[in-house]
């Protein structure tokens, strides 16, 4: 990974894009490892569903805590971000439902 930018220094567009891509890669790789790890527990059916729901709840809580920590406790922006994610999920689900019905 590249060295971190000093706080307060300006990034150019290419640097910001690079950091965004690196962050997306880190999240994607960690999610892949998490799915693999969850599957190694060997739960099936209702046990698997419960395990994944509990694990994802803890991940969400940790993610929200981290977000609040690095964004200075900005709950208003966090609320808008969460609502936007929910709306995007609804749109993806609706589009998938329309696609399957045709």
C-alpha atoms as a PDB file:
ATOM      1  CA  UNK A   1       0.000   0.000   0.000  1.00  0.00           C
ATOM      2  CA  UNK A   2       1.086   3.554  -0.589  1.00  0.00           C
ATOM      3  CA  UNK A   3       2.155   5.750   2.291  1.00  0.00           C
ATOM      4  CA  UNK A   4      -0.627   7.748   3.846  1.00  0.00           C
ATOM      5  CA  UNK A   5      -1.198  11.370   2.966  1.00  0.00           C
ATOM      6  CA  UNK A   6      -0.417  13.861   5.726  1.00  0.00           C
ATOM      7  CA  UNK A   7      -3.575  15.268   7.282  1.00  0.00           C
ATOM      8  CA  UNK A   8      -4.522  18.550   5.718  1.00  0.00           C
ATOM      9  CA  UNK A   9      -2.636  18.016   2.475  1.00  0.00           C
ATOM     10  CA  UNK A  10      -4.598  18.182  -0.756  1.00  0.00           C
ATOM     11  CA  UNK A  11      -4.875  15.187  -3.056  1.00  0.00           C
ATOM     12  CA  UNK A  12      -5.213  15.426  -6.778  1.00  0.00           C
ATOM     13  CA  UNK A  13      -7.936  13.538  -8.634  1.00  0.00           C
ATOM     14  CA  UNK A  14      -5.641  10.632  -9.589  1.00  0.00           C
ATOM     15  CA  UNK A  15      -4.500  10.169  -5.980  1.00  0.00           C
ATOM     16  CA  UNK A  16      -8.086  10.217  -4.713  1.00  0.00           C
ATOM     17  CA  UNK A  17      -9.102   7.642  -7.350  1.00  0.00           C
ATOM     18  CA  UNK A  18      -6.138   5.432  -6.411  1.00  0.00           C
ATOM     19  CA  UNK A  19      -7.061   5.555  -2.722  1.00  0.00           C
ATOM     20  CA  UNK A  20     -10.729   4.835  -3.543  1.00  0.00           C
ATOM     21  CA  UNK A  21      -9.743   1.817  -5.646  1.00  0.00           C
ATOM     22  CA  UNK A  22      -7.387   0.527  -2.951  1.00  0.00           C
ATOM     23  CA  UNK A  23     -10.082   0.876  -0.289  1.00  0.00           C
ATOM     24  CA  UNK A  24     -12.606  -0.980  -2.473  1.00  0.00           C
ATOM     25  CA  UNK A  25     -10.067  -3.768  -3.031  1.00  0.00           C
ATOM     26  CA  UNK A  26      -9.419  -4.112   0.714  1.00  0.00           C
ATOM     27  CA  UNK A  27     -13.146  -4.350   1.449  1.00  0.00           C
ATOM     28  CA  UNK A  28     -13.767  -6.830  -1.387  1.00  0.00           C
ATOM     29  CA  UNK A  29     -10.885  -9.069  -0.277  1.00  0.00           C
ATOM     30  CA  UNK A  30     -11.966  -8.980   3.347  1.00  0.00           C
ATOM     31  CA  UNK A  31     -15.579  -9.782   2.452  1.00  0.00           C
ATOM     32  CA  UNK A  32     -14.398 -12.733   0.368  1.00  0.00           C
ATOM     33  CA  UNK A  33     -12.311 -14.028   3.263  1.00  0.00           C
ATOM     34  CA  UNK A  34     -15.241 -13.522   5.621  1.00  0.00           C
ATOM     35  CA  UNK A  35     -17.619 -15.537   3.414  1.00  0.00           C
ATOM     36  CA  UNK A  36     -15.029 -18.320   3.222  1.00  0.00           C
ATOM     37  CA  UNK A  37     -14.560 -18.265   7.000  1.00  0.00           C
ATOM     38  CA  UNK A  38     -18.300 -18.323   7.649  1.00  0.00           C
ATOM     39  CA  UNK A  39     -18.707 -21.335   5.379  1.00  0.00           C
ATOM     40  CA  UNK A  40     -15.941 -23.192   7.251  1.00  0.00           C
ATOM     41  CA  UNK A  41     -18.076 -23.262  10.409  1.00  0.00           C
ATOM     42  CA  UNK A  42     -20.242 -25.861   8.696  1.00  0.00           C
ATOM     43  CA  UNK A  43     -23.645 -24.542   9.708  1.00  0.00           C
ATOM     44  CA  UNK A  44     -26.581 -25.301   7.444  1.00  0.00           C
ATOM     45  CA  UNK A  45     -30.223 -24.318   7.178  1.00  0.00           C
ATOM     46  CA  UNK A  46     -31.610 -22.256  10.045  1.00  0.00           C
ATOM     47  CA  UNK A  47     -28.319 -22.432  11.956  1.00  0.00           C
ATOM     48  CA  UNK A  48     -26.457 -20.954   8.986  1.00  0.00           C
ATOM     49  CA  UNK A  49     -29.047 -18.192   8.599  1.00  0.00           C
ATOM     50  CA  UNK A  50     -28.844 -17.304  12.297  1.00  0.00           C
ATOM     51  CA  UNK A  51     -25.044 -17.383  12.289  1.00  0.00           C
ATOM     52  CA  UNK A  52     -24.780 -15.117   9.241  1.00  0.00           C
ATOM     53  CA  UNK A  53     -27.381 -12.706  10.655  1.00  0.00           C
ATOM     54  CA  UNK A  54     -25.543 -12.450  13.980  1.00  0.00           C
ATOM     55  CA  UNK A  55     -22.129 -12.114  12.323  1.00  0.00           C
ATOM     56  CA  UNK A  56     -23.392  -9.454   9.897  1.00  0.00           C
ATOM     57  CA  UNK A  57     -25.005  -7.534  12.779  1.00  0.00           C
ATOM     58  CA  UNK A  58     -21.679  -7.441  14.593  1.00  0.00           C
ATOM     59  CA  UNK A  59     -19.887  -6.390  11.394  1.00  0.00           C
ATOM     60  CA  UNK A  60     -22.377  -3.606  10.805  1.00  0.00           C
ATOM     61  CA  UNK A  61     -22.012  -2.390  14.376  1.00  0.00           C
ATOM     62  CA  UNK A  62     -18.230  -2.378  14.087  1.00  0.00           C
ATOM     63  CA  UNK A  63     -18.388  -0.621  10.726  1.00  0.00           C
ATOM     64  CA  UNK A  64     -20.704   2.062  12.076  1.00  0.00           C
ATOM     65  CA  UNK A  65     -18.469   2.595  15.113  1.00  0.00           C
ATOM     66  CA  UNK A  66     -15.434   2.941  12.837  1.00  0.00           C
ATOM     67  CA  UNK A  67     -17.267   5.329  10.528  1.00  0.00           C
ATOM     68  CA  UNK A  68     -18.359   7.510  13.441  1.00  0.00           C
ATOM     69  CA  UNK A  69     -14.841   7.492  14.860  1.00  0.00           C
ATOM     70  CA  UNK A  70     -13.165   8.656  11.647  1.00  0.00           C
ATOM     71  CA  UNK A  71     -15.939  11.128  10.773  1.00  0.00           C
ATOM     72  CA  UNK A  72     -16.025  12.858  14.141  1.00  0.00           C
ATOM     73  CA  UNK A  73     -19.350  11.400  15.263  1.00  0.00           C
ATOM     74  CA  UNK A  74     -21.273  12.930  12.344  1.00  0.00           C
ATOM     75  CA  UNK A  75     -24.554  11.068  12.811  1.00  0.00           C
ATOM     76  CA  UNK A  76     -26.490  13.234  10.332  1.00  0.00           C
ATOM     77  CA  UNK A  77     -24.243  12.294   7.420  1.00  0.00           C
ATOM     78  CA  UNK A  78     -24.204   8.679   8.579  1.00  0.00           C
ATOM     79  CA  UNK A  79     -28.009   8.633   8.613  1.00  0.00           C
ATOM     80  CA  UNK A  80     -28.165   9.992   5.055  1.00  0.00           C
ATOM     81  CA  UNK A  81     -25.553   7.476   3.931  1.00  0.00           C
ATOM     82  CA  UNK A  82     -27.456   4.539   5.477  1.00  0.00           C
ATOM     83  CA  UNK A  83     -30.745   5.724   3.955  1.00  0.00           C
ATOM     84  CA  UNK A  84     -29.085   6.019   0.544  1.00  0.00           C
ATOM     85  CA  UNK A  85     -27.757   2.451   0.861  1.00  0.00           C
ATOM     86  CA  UNK A  86     -31.232   1.193   1.778  1.00  0.00           C
ATOM     87  CA  UNK A  87     -32.807   2.990  -1.195  1.00  0.00           C
ATOM     88  CA  UNK A  88     -30.141   1.635  -3.559  1.00  0.00           C
ATOM     89  CA  UNK A  89     -30.826  -1.903  -2.290  1.00  0.00           C
ATOM     90  CA  UNK A  90     -34.571  -1.451  -2.834  1.00  0.00           C
ATOM     91  CA  UNK A  91     -33.934  -0.291  -6.408  1.00  0.00           C
ATOM     92  CA  UNK A  92     -31.622  -3.257  -7.117  1.00  0.00           C
ATOM     93  CA  UNK A  93     -34.209  -5.661  -5.692  1.00  0.00           C
ATOM     94  CA  UNK A  94     -37.018  -4.095  -7.734  1.00  0.00           C
ATOM     95  CA  UNK A  95     -34.931  -4.245 -10.911  1.00  0.00           C
ATOM     96  CA  UNK A  96     -34.076  -7.913 -10.237  1.00  0.00           C
ATOM     97  CA  UNK A  97     -37.752  -8.693  -9.622  1.00  0.00           C
ATOM     98  CA  UNK A  98     -38.732  -7.012 -12.913  1.00  0.00           C
ATOM     99  CA  UNK A  99     -35.964  -8.884 -14.734  1.00  0.00           C
ATOM    100  CA  UNK A 100     -37.147 -12.248 -13.372  1.00  0.00           C
ATOM    101  CA  UNK A 101     -40.788 -11.549 -14.224  1.00  0.00           C
ATOM    102  CA  UNK A 102     -40.019 -10.968 -17.924  1.00  0.00           C
END
